[in-house]
N, C-alpha and C. Protein backbone atom coordinates (compact mmCIF):
# COMPACT_ATOMS: atom_id res chain seq x y z
N UNK A 1 125.43 -137.72 4.81
CA UNK A 1 125.42 -138.33 6.12
C UNK A 1 125.97 -137.34 7.16
N UNK A 2 127.14 -136.81 6.89
CA UNK A 2 127.75 -135.83 7.81
C UNK A 2 126.82 -134.64 8.02
N UNK A 3 126.28 -134.14 6.92
CA UNK A 3 125.41 -132.97 6.99
C UNK A 3 124.18 -133.25 7.82
N UNK A 4 123.57 -134.41 7.68
CA UNK A 4 122.37 -134.77 8.45
C UNK A 4 122.70 -134.87 9.94
N UNK A 5 123.83 -135.46 10.29
CA UNK A 5 124.23 -135.56 11.69
C UNK A 5 124.47 -134.18 12.28
N UNK A 6 125.14 -133.34 11.51
CA UNK A 6 125.43 -131.97 11.96
C UNK A 6 124.13 -131.20 12.18
N UNK A 7 123.20 -131.28 11.23
CA UNK A 7 121.93 -130.57 11.37
C UNK A 7 121.12 -131.09 12.56
N UNK A 8 121.13 -132.39 12.80
CA UNK A 8 120.43 -132.95 13.96
C UNK A 8 121.03 -132.42 15.26
N UNK A 9 122.35 -132.40 15.33
CA UNK A 9 123.03 -131.86 16.52
C UNK A 9 122.66 -130.40 16.72
N UNK A 10 122.69 -129.63 15.65
CA UNK A 10 122.40 -128.20 15.72
C UNK A 10 120.98 -127.96 16.22
N UNK A 11 120.01 -128.72 15.74
CA UNK A 11 118.62 -128.56 16.17
C UNK A 11 118.49 -128.85 17.66
N UNK A 12 119.07 -129.93 18.13
CA UNK A 12 119.01 -130.27 19.56
C UNK A 12 119.70 -129.19 20.38
N UNK A 13 120.85 -128.74 19.94
CA UNK A 13 121.61 -127.71 20.66
C UNK A 13 120.81 -126.42 20.77
N UNK A 14 120.25 -125.96 19.66
CA UNK A 14 119.51 -124.70 19.63
C UNK A 14 118.25 -124.79 20.49
N UNK A 15 117.63 -125.93 20.54
CA UNK A 15 116.39 -126.08 21.31
C UNK A 15 116.62 -126.20 22.81
N UNK A 16 117.75 -126.74 23.23
CA UNK A 16 117.96 -126.96 24.66
C UNK A 16 118.73 -125.86 25.36
N UNK A 17 119.66 -125.20 24.70
CA UNK A 17 120.48 -124.19 25.35
C UNK A 17 119.66 -123.00 25.86
N UNK A 18 118.77 -122.40 25.07
CA UNK A 18 118.01 -121.27 25.60
C UNK A 18 117.23 -121.63 26.86
N UNK A 19 116.69 -122.85 26.93
CA UNK A 19 115.95 -123.28 28.11
C UNK A 19 116.88 -123.35 29.32
N UNK A 20 118.07 -123.89 29.14
CA UNK A 20 119.05 -123.97 30.23
C UNK A 20 119.47 -122.59 30.70
N UNK A 21 119.73 -121.69 29.75
CA UNK A 21 120.13 -120.33 30.12
C UNK A 21 119.03 -119.61 30.87
N UNK A 22 117.78 -119.80 30.46
CA UNK A 22 116.67 -119.14 31.13
C UNK A 22 116.55 -119.60 32.57
N UNK A 23 116.79 -120.89 32.83
CA UNK A 23 116.71 -121.40 34.19
C UNK A 23 117.84 -120.83 35.05
N UNK A 24 119.04 -120.74 34.53
CA UNK A 24 120.19 -120.28 35.29
C UNK A 24 120.15 -118.79 35.55
N UNK A 25 119.58 -118.00 34.64
CA UNK A 25 119.67 -116.55 34.71
C UNK A 25 118.30 -115.87 34.80
N UNK A 26 117.36 -116.48 35.51
CA UNK A 26 116.00 -115.96 35.52
C UNK A 26 115.90 -114.56 36.13
N UNK A 27 116.82 -114.18 37.03
CA UNK A 27 116.78 -112.85 37.65
C UNK A 27 117.68 -111.84 36.95
N UNK A 28 118.30 -112.24 35.86
CA UNK A 28 119.21 -111.37 35.12
C UNK A 28 118.51 -110.88 33.86
N UNK A 29 118.54 -109.58 33.64
CA UNK A 29 117.95 -109.03 32.42
C UNK A 29 118.97 -108.16 31.71
N UNK A 30 119.05 -108.33 30.42
CA UNK A 30 119.95 -107.51 29.61
C UNK A 30 119.13 -106.35 29.08
N UNK A 31 119.66 -105.15 29.09
CA UNK A 31 120.99 -104.74 29.54
C UNK A 31 121.02 -104.25 31.00
N UNK A 32 119.85 -104.14 31.63
CA UNK A 32 119.73 -103.51 32.96
C UNK A 32 120.74 -104.03 33.99
N UNK A 33 120.90 -105.33 34.05
CA UNK A 33 121.80 -105.94 35.04
C UNK A 33 123.25 -105.51 34.84
N UNK A 34 123.60 -105.11 33.62
CA UNK A 34 125.00 -104.85 33.29
C UNK A 34 125.34 -103.38 33.06
N UNK A 35 124.41 -102.48 33.36
CA UNK A 35 124.72 -101.06 33.22
C UNK A 35 125.94 -100.70 34.04
N UNK A 36 126.80 -99.86 33.48
CA UNK A 36 127.97 -99.41 34.21
C UNK A 36 129.12 -99.06 33.30
N UNK A 37 130.23 -98.70 33.95
CA UNK A 37 131.48 -98.39 33.27
C UNK A 37 132.48 -99.47 33.64
N UNK A 38 133.15 -100.02 32.64
CA UNK A 38 134.12 -101.10 32.81
C UNK A 38 135.47 -100.60 32.31
N UNK A 39 136.53 -100.90 33.07
CA UNK A 39 137.86 -100.40 32.72
C UNK A 39 138.89 -101.52 32.84
N UNK A 40 139.88 -101.51 31.92
CA UNK A 40 140.95 -102.49 31.96
C UNK A 40 141.89 -102.28 30.79
N UNK A 41 142.53 -103.36 30.36
CA UNK A 41 143.47 -103.31 29.24
C UNK A 41 143.06 -104.29 28.17
N UNK A 42 143.25 -103.88 26.93
CA UNK A 42 142.98 -104.71 25.76
C UNK A 42 144.30 -105.30 25.28
N UNK A 43 144.32 -106.61 25.05
CA UNK A 43 145.48 -107.27 24.43
C UNK A 43 145.14 -107.55 22.98
N UNK A 44 145.97 -107.08 22.07
CA UNK A 44 145.79 -107.32 20.64
C UNK A 44 146.86 -108.31 20.19
N UNK A 45 146.43 -109.49 19.78
CA UNK A 45 147.33 -110.55 19.34
C UNK A 45 147.35 -110.59 17.81
N UNK A 46 148.54 -110.44 17.24
CA UNK A 46 148.73 -110.56 15.79
C UNK A 46 149.95 -111.44 15.55
N UNK A 47 150.22 -111.72 14.29
CA UNK A 47 151.42 -112.50 13.97
C UNK A 47 152.70 -111.75 14.34
N UNK A 48 152.61 -110.44 14.52
CA UNK A 48 153.77 -109.61 14.88
C UNK A 48 153.98 -109.51 16.38
N UNK A 49 153.05 -110.06 17.17
CA UNK A 49 153.20 -110.01 18.62
C UNK A 49 151.94 -109.54 19.32
N UNK A 50 152.11 -109.16 20.58
CA UNK A 50 151.00 -108.72 21.42
C UNK A 50 151.21 -107.27 21.81
N UNK A 51 150.17 -106.47 21.65
CA UNK A 51 150.19 -105.08 22.10
C UNK A 51 149.08 -104.87 23.12
N UNK A 52 149.33 -104.01 24.10
CA UNK A 52 148.35 -103.70 25.13
C UNK A 52 147.91 -102.25 25.03
N UNK A 53 146.61 -102.02 25.25
CA UNK A 53 146.05 -100.68 25.19
C UNK A 53 145.04 -100.50 26.33
N UNK A 54 145.04 -99.34 26.98
CA UNK A 54 143.98 -99.07 27.96
C UNK A 54 142.63 -99.06 27.25
N UNK A 55 141.60 -99.57 27.92
CA UNK A 55 140.28 -99.64 27.31
C UNK A 55 139.19 -99.42 28.34
N UNK A 56 138.09 -98.82 27.89
CA UNK A 56 136.89 -98.67 28.71
C UNK A 56 135.69 -99.08 27.88
N UNK A 57 134.68 -99.57 28.56
CA UNK A 57 133.39 -99.87 27.93
C UNK A 57 132.31 -99.31 28.84
N UNK A 58 131.41 -98.51 28.27
CA UNK A 58 130.32 -97.91 29.04
C UNK A 58 129.00 -98.38 28.44
N UNK A 59 128.13 -98.92 29.27
CA UNK A 59 126.77 -99.27 28.86
C UNK A 59 125.84 -98.59 29.86
N UNK A 60 125.11 -97.58 29.39
CA UNK A 60 124.31 -96.75 30.29
C UNK A 60 122.92 -96.51 29.73
N UNK A 61 121.93 -96.35 30.62
CA UNK A 61 120.57 -96.07 30.16
C UNK A 61 120.45 -94.64 29.63
N UNK A 62 119.39 -94.40 28.86
CA UNK A 62 119.04 -93.06 28.40
C UNK A 62 117.62 -92.76 28.90
N UNK A 63 117.09 -91.63 28.53
CA UNK A 63 115.72 -91.27 28.89
C UNK A 63 114.69 -91.98 28.01
N UNK A 64 115.14 -92.67 26.98
CA UNK A 64 114.25 -93.34 26.04
C UNK A 64 114.25 -94.85 26.30
N UNK A 65 113.08 -95.42 26.46
CA UNK A 65 112.96 -96.86 26.69
C UNK A 65 113.50 -97.61 25.48
N UNK A 66 114.35 -98.60 25.73
CA UNK A 66 114.89 -99.43 24.66
C UNK A 66 116.07 -98.84 23.92
N UNK A 67 116.57 -97.70 24.39
CA UNK A 67 117.72 -97.04 23.77
C UNK A 67 118.78 -96.81 24.85
N UNK A 68 120.03 -97.18 24.54
CA UNK A 68 121.10 -97.15 25.54
C UNK A 68 122.36 -96.52 24.97
N UNK A 69 123.12 -95.88 25.83
CA UNK A 69 124.44 -95.35 25.45
C UNK A 69 125.44 -96.49 25.54
N UNK A 70 126.20 -96.67 24.47
CA UNK A 70 127.18 -97.74 24.34
C UNK A 70 128.45 -97.07 23.86
N UNK A 71 129.44 -96.97 24.73
CA UNK A 71 130.66 -96.23 24.40
C UNK A 71 131.87 -97.13 24.59
N UNK A 72 132.77 -97.09 23.63
CA UNK A 72 134.06 -97.78 23.73
C UNK A 72 135.15 -96.72 23.73
N UNK A 73 136.09 -96.84 24.66
CA UNK A 73 137.20 -95.90 24.75
C UNK A 73 138.50 -96.69 24.66
N UNK A 74 139.38 -96.26 23.76
CA UNK A 74 140.72 -96.84 23.63
C UNK A 74 141.73 -95.76 23.99
N UNK A 75 142.75 -96.12 24.77
CA UNK A 75 143.83 -95.20 25.10
C UNK A 75 143.48 -94.26 26.23
N UNK A 76 144.48 -93.46 26.62
CA UNK A 76 144.33 -92.47 27.70
C UNK A 76 145.00 -91.17 27.27
N UNK A 77 144.65 -90.09 27.96
CA UNK A 77 145.28 -88.80 27.70
C UNK A 77 145.08 -88.34 26.28
N UNK A 78 146.15 -87.87 25.65
CA UNK A 78 146.07 -87.38 24.28
C UNK A 78 145.77 -88.48 23.27
N UNK A 79 146.07 -89.73 23.63
CA UNK A 79 145.81 -90.86 22.73
C UNK A 79 144.38 -91.41 22.88
N UNK A 80 143.59 -90.83 23.75
CA UNK A 80 142.23 -91.31 24.02
C UNK A 80 141.34 -91.16 22.79
N UNK A 81 140.70 -92.28 22.42
CA UNK A 81 139.73 -92.30 21.31
C UNK A 81 138.40 -92.79 21.88
N UNK A 82 137.41 -91.93 21.89
CA UNK A 82 136.11 -92.27 22.44
C UNK A 82 135.12 -92.48 21.30
N UNK A 83 134.47 -93.63 21.29
CA UNK A 83 133.50 -93.96 20.24
C UNK A 83 132.12 -94.09 20.88
N UNK A 84 131.28 -93.09 20.64
CA UNK A 84 129.95 -93.05 21.25
C UNK A 84 128.93 -93.62 20.27
N UNK A 85 128.34 -94.74 20.67
CA UNK A 85 127.35 -95.42 19.86
C UNK A 85 126.01 -95.45 20.60
N UNK A 86 124.99 -95.92 19.90
CA UNK A 86 123.67 -96.08 20.50
C UNK A 86 123.21 -97.51 20.28
N UNK A 87 122.88 -98.21 21.37
CA UNK A 87 122.34 -99.56 21.31
C UNK A 87 120.82 -99.47 21.37
N UNK A 88 120.14 -100.13 20.43
CA UNK A 88 118.68 -100.04 20.37
C UNK A 88 118.06 -101.43 20.35
N UNK A 89 117.00 -101.60 21.16
CA UNK A 89 116.25 -102.85 21.15
C UNK A 89 115.44 -102.94 19.86
N UNK A 90 115.48 -104.10 19.24
CA UNK A 90 114.63 -104.38 18.10
C UNK A 90 113.55 -105.36 18.53
N UNK A 91 113.98 -106.45 19.18
CA UNK A 91 113.08 -107.48 19.71
C UNK A 91 113.76 -108.06 20.94
N UNK A 92 113.55 -107.41 22.08
CA UNK A 92 114.25 -107.78 23.32
C UNK A 92 114.00 -109.24 23.70
N UNK A 93 112.76 -109.71 23.54
CA UNK A 93 112.42 -111.08 23.92
C UNK A 93 113.26 -112.11 23.16
N UNK A 94 113.63 -111.80 21.94
CA UNK A 94 114.45 -112.70 21.14
C UNK A 94 115.91 -112.29 21.08
N UNK A 95 116.30 -111.27 21.85
CA UNK A 95 117.69 -110.86 21.93
C UNK A 95 118.20 -110.10 20.73
N UNK A 96 117.31 -109.46 19.97
CA UNK A 96 117.73 -108.74 18.77
C UNK A 96 117.89 -107.25 19.05
N UNK A 97 119.09 -106.75 18.76
CA UNK A 97 119.44 -105.35 18.97
C UNK A 97 120.17 -104.85 17.74
N UNK A 98 120.30 -103.54 17.64
CA UNK A 98 121.20 -102.95 16.65
C UNK A 98 122.12 -101.98 17.38
N UNK A 99 123.32 -101.85 16.86
CA UNK A 99 124.27 -100.87 17.35
C UNK A 99 124.40 -99.81 16.27
N UNK A 100 123.95 -98.61 16.60
CA UNK A 100 124.02 -97.48 15.67
C UNK A 100 125.30 -96.72 15.99
N UNK A 101 126.22 -96.68 15.04
CA UNK A 101 127.48 -95.98 15.26
C UNK A 101 127.33 -94.47 15.07
N UNK A 102 126.11 -94.04 14.80
CA UNK A 102 125.77 -92.62 14.67
C UNK A 102 126.54 -91.93 13.54
N UNK A 103 126.86 -92.72 12.50
CA UNK A 103 127.54 -92.18 11.32
C UNK A 103 127.05 -92.85 10.04
N UNK A 104 125.88 -93.48 10.13
CA UNK A 104 125.34 -94.21 8.99
C UNK A 104 125.61 -95.71 9.04
N UNK A 105 126.47 -96.16 9.95
CA UNK A 105 126.78 -97.58 10.09
C UNK A 105 125.91 -98.17 11.19
N UNK A 106 125.23 -99.27 10.86
CA UNK A 106 124.37 -99.97 11.82
C UNK A 106 124.75 -101.44 11.81
N UNK A 107 125.01 -102.00 12.98
CA UNK A 107 125.40 -103.40 13.12
C UNK A 107 124.32 -104.17 13.86
N UNK A 108 123.96 -105.34 13.34
CA UNK A 108 123.02 -106.21 14.04
C UNK A 108 123.73 -106.90 15.19
N UNK A 109 122.97 -107.17 16.25
CA UNK A 109 123.53 -107.84 17.41
C UNK A 109 122.52 -108.84 17.95
N UNK A 110 123.04 -109.88 18.57
CA UNK A 110 122.21 -110.90 19.21
C UNK A 110 122.68 -111.03 20.65
N UNK A 111 121.74 -111.04 21.58
CA UNK A 111 122.05 -111.24 22.99
C UNK A 111 121.37 -112.52 23.45
N UNK A 112 122.17 -113.41 24.01
CA UNK A 112 121.65 -114.64 24.60
C UNK A 112 122.24 -114.73 26.00
N UNK A 113 121.37 -114.70 26.99
CA UNK A 113 121.83 -114.74 28.38
C UNK A 113 122.69 -113.52 28.67
N UNK A 114 123.93 -113.76 29.06
CA UNK A 114 124.85 -112.67 29.42
C UNK A 114 125.86 -112.38 28.30
N UNK A 115 125.58 -112.83 27.09
CA UNK A 115 126.55 -112.67 26.01
C UNK A 115 125.94 -111.95 24.82
N UNK A 116 126.71 -110.99 24.29
CA UNK A 116 126.31 -110.20 23.13
C UNK A 116 127.22 -110.56 21.96
N UNK A 117 126.62 -110.75 20.79
CA UNK A 117 127.35 -111.18 19.59
C UNK A 117 127.17 -110.17 18.46
N UNK A 118 128.24 -109.93 17.71
CA UNK A 118 128.21 -109.14 16.49
C UNK A 118 129.01 -109.89 15.44
N UNK A 119 128.58 -109.83 14.18
CA UNK A 119 129.33 -110.38 13.07
C UNK A 119 129.14 -109.44 11.89
N UNK A 120 130.26 -108.91 11.38
CA UNK A 120 130.14 -107.97 10.26
C UNK A 120 131.41 -107.99 9.41
N UNK A 121 131.27 -107.41 8.23
CA UNK A 121 132.37 -107.34 7.27
C UNK A 121 132.68 -105.87 7.01
N UNK A 122 133.97 -105.53 7.01
CA UNK A 122 134.40 -104.18 6.67
C UNK A 122 135.81 -104.25 6.07
N UNK A 123 136.03 -103.53 4.99
CA UNK A 123 137.34 -103.41 4.36
C UNK A 123 138.05 -104.76 4.21
N UNK A 124 137.36 -105.72 3.56
CA UNK A 124 137.90 -107.06 3.28
C UNK A 124 138.19 -107.89 4.52
N UNK A 125 137.54 -107.58 5.64
CA UNK A 125 137.73 -108.36 6.85
C UNK A 125 136.39 -108.74 7.47
N UNK A 126 136.32 -109.98 7.99
CA UNK A 126 135.20 -110.41 8.83
C UNK A 126 135.60 -110.11 10.26
N UNK A 127 134.70 -109.53 11.02
CA UNK A 127 134.93 -109.29 12.44
C UNK A 127 133.79 -109.92 13.24
N UNK A 128 134.16 -110.65 14.26
CA UNK A 128 133.19 -111.21 15.19
C UNK A 128 133.52 -110.64 16.55
N UNK A 129 132.52 -110.07 17.20
CA UNK A 129 132.71 -109.50 18.52
C UNK A 129 131.84 -110.26 19.51
N UNK A 130 132.43 -110.59 20.66
CA UNK A 130 131.71 -111.22 21.75
C UNK A 130 131.92 -110.36 22.99
N UNK A 131 130.84 -110.02 23.66
CA UNK A 131 130.95 -109.34 24.94
C UNK A 131 130.21 -110.21 25.95
N UNK A 132 130.95 -110.75 26.91
CA UNK A 132 130.37 -111.62 27.93
C UNK A 132 130.36 -110.87 29.26
N UNK A 133 129.16 -110.62 29.75
CA UNK A 133 128.99 -109.85 30.98
C UNK A 133 128.96 -110.78 32.19
N UNK A 134 129.63 -110.36 33.25
CA UNK A 134 129.61 -111.05 34.53
C UNK A 134 129.23 -110.03 35.60
N UNK A 135 129.07 -110.48 36.82
CA UNK A 135 128.61 -109.59 37.90
C UNK A 135 129.51 -108.36 38.05
N UNK A 136 130.82 -108.54 38.10
CA UNK A 136 131.75 -107.44 38.39
C UNK A 136 132.72 -107.12 37.25
N UNK A 137 132.57 -107.77 36.12
CA UNK A 137 133.48 -107.54 35.00
C UNK A 137 132.83 -108.01 33.71
N UNK A 138 133.50 -107.72 32.60
CA UNK A 138 133.07 -108.27 31.31
C UNK A 138 134.31 -108.70 30.54
N UNK A 139 134.10 -109.59 29.58
CA UNK A 139 135.16 -110.02 28.68
C UNK A 139 134.75 -109.56 27.28
N UNK A 140 135.61 -108.74 26.68
CA UNK A 140 135.36 -108.15 25.37
C UNK A 140 136.34 -108.78 24.40
N UNK A 141 135.84 -109.43 23.33
CA UNK A 141 136.70 -110.12 22.38
C UNK A 141 136.31 -109.75 20.95
N UNK A 142 137.31 -109.55 20.12
CA UNK A 142 137.11 -109.34 18.69
C UNK A 142 138.04 -110.29 17.95
N UNK A 143 137.49 -111.01 16.99
CA UNK A 143 138.27 -111.92 16.15
C UNK A 143 138.16 -111.41 14.72
N UNK A 144 139.32 -111.27 14.04
CA UNK A 144 139.36 -110.69 12.70
C UNK A 144 139.98 -111.70 11.72
N UNK A 145 139.36 -111.79 10.54
CA UNK A 145 139.90 -112.62 9.46
C UNK A 145 139.79 -111.86 8.16
N UNK A 146 140.86 -111.92 7.36
CA UNK A 146 140.84 -111.29 6.05
C UNK A 146 140.09 -112.19 5.07
N UNK A 147 139.08 -111.64 4.41
CA UNK A 147 138.25 -112.40 3.48
C UNK A 147 139.06 -112.99 2.34
N UNK A 148 140.08 -112.27 1.91
CA UNK A 148 140.90 -112.72 0.78
C UNK A 148 141.76 -113.93 1.13
N UNK A 149 141.87 -114.27 2.43
CA UNK A 149 142.66 -115.43 2.85
C UNK A 149 141.83 -116.71 2.92
N UNK A 150 140.60 -116.66 2.43
CA UNK A 150 139.68 -117.79 2.51
C UNK A 150 140.30 -119.05 1.91
N UNK A 151 140.09 -120.18 2.62
CA UNK A 151 140.55 -121.49 2.16
C UNK A 151 139.32 -122.38 1.99
N UNK A 152 139.38 -123.27 1.00
CA UNK A 152 138.26 -124.16 0.71
C UNK A 152 138.71 -125.60 0.88
N UNK A 153 137.85 -126.40 1.52
CA UNK A 153 138.11 -127.84 1.64
C UNK A 153 136.78 -128.58 1.58
N UNK A 154 136.85 -129.91 1.58
CA UNK A 154 135.63 -130.73 1.52
C UNK A 154 135.03 -130.70 0.14
N UNK A 155 133.73 -131.03 0.06
CA UNK A 155 133.01 -131.00 -1.21
C UNK A 155 133.38 -132.11 -2.17
N UNK A 156 134.01 -133.15 -1.66
CA UNK A 156 134.46 -134.23 -2.54
C UNK A 156 133.30 -135.14 -2.97
N UNK A 157 132.24 -135.22 -2.16
CA UNK A 157 131.08 -136.04 -2.50
C UNK A 157 129.84 -135.43 -1.85
N UNK A 158 128.68 -136.04 -2.08
CA UNK A 158 127.43 -135.45 -1.59
C UNK A 158 127.29 -135.49 -0.07
N UNK A 159 128.05 -136.35 0.61
CA UNK A 159 127.98 -136.43 2.07
C UNK A 159 128.93 -135.46 2.77
N UNK A 160 129.82 -134.84 2.01
CA UNK A 160 130.79 -133.92 2.60
C UNK A 160 130.63 -132.55 1.95
N UNK A 161 130.09 -131.61 2.70
CA UNK A 161 129.88 -130.29 2.11
C UNK A 161 131.19 -129.55 1.88
N UNK A 162 131.17 -128.61 0.96
CA UNK A 162 132.31 -127.73 0.77
C UNK A 162 132.33 -126.76 1.96
N UNK A 163 133.51 -126.55 2.53
CA UNK A 163 133.66 -125.71 3.72
C UNK A 163 134.68 -124.63 3.44
N UNK A 164 134.36 -123.42 3.88
CA UNK A 164 135.27 -122.29 3.72
C UNK A 164 135.83 -121.93 5.09
N UNK A 165 137.13 -121.80 5.16
CA UNK A 165 137.82 -121.45 6.41
C UNK A 165 138.49 -120.09 6.22
N UNK A 166 138.42 -119.28 7.26
CA UNK A 166 139.00 -117.95 7.21
C UNK A 166 140.07 -117.85 8.30
N UNK A 167 141.36 -117.92 7.93
CA UNK A 167 142.41 -117.84 8.93
C UNK A 167 142.31 -116.55 9.75
N UNK A 168 142.50 -116.68 11.03
CA UNK A 168 142.37 -115.55 11.95
C UNK A 168 143.68 -114.76 11.96
N UNK A 169 143.54 -113.45 11.73
CA UNK A 169 144.73 -112.59 11.67
C UNK A 169 144.92 -111.77 12.94
N UNK A 170 143.83 -111.46 13.64
CA UNK A 170 143.91 -110.66 14.86
C UNK A 170 142.91 -111.19 15.88
N UNK A 171 143.34 -111.28 17.13
CA UNK A 171 142.44 -111.55 18.24
C UNK A 171 142.68 -110.47 19.28
N UNK A 172 141.61 -109.76 19.63
CA UNK A 172 141.69 -108.74 20.67
C UNK A 172 140.85 -109.23 21.85
N UNK A 173 141.43 -109.12 23.06
CA UNK A 173 140.71 -109.58 24.24
C UNK A 173 140.99 -108.64 25.39
N UNK A 174 139.91 -108.27 26.08
CA UNK A 174 140.04 -107.41 27.26
C UNK A 174 139.15 -107.95 28.36
N UNK A 175 139.68 -107.99 29.56
CA UNK A 175 138.88 -108.25 30.76
C UNK A 175 138.76 -106.89 31.45
N UNK A 176 137.54 -106.37 31.48
CA UNK A 176 137.31 -105.02 32.01
C UNK A 176 136.49 -105.11 33.30
N UNK A 177 136.99 -104.46 34.33
CA UNK A 177 136.34 -104.50 35.64
C UNK A 177 135.31 -103.38 35.79
N UNK A 178 134.17 -103.75 36.37
CA UNK A 178 133.09 -102.80 36.59
C UNK A 178 133.49 -101.83 37.69
N UNK A 179 133.28 -100.56 37.44
CA UNK A 179 133.67 -99.51 38.39
C UNK A 179 132.52 -99.18 39.34
């Protein structure tokens, strides 16, 4: 029963949201509308407290159609770490992209409206990244959970599915202003 209600809700949600987003953002196209350099501070929240780091995000066109420079910078001066990646269109109409880290690592990405999503696993951790673009700024978020901390609940009968929960160990959030 629960599963059927959830699936019905999910179908209605998935079918109506893209239509609403298309109406609201008909003059906005990803990534063209959001090209630029964004600068601000990243807050990293852990059980040990909050740390702040200077951060930059660059999304810029290249000479190749469907290929973009995607750079993340952490820190300043001698502590500056620049990560130069390549964002590539796979199926722009459906919001499918890949992020090539230019070292053999490739991450799938989904873009819906003004929001970019990533979900991947590395070194026993799940990471979910959300980048929400606005006219003059973006919000960059990463949520991390250790796979080994997985908790199981539900599954007591056929109407209640077994559910796995992954406690969140780190949340990173930055509001970066477009330069």
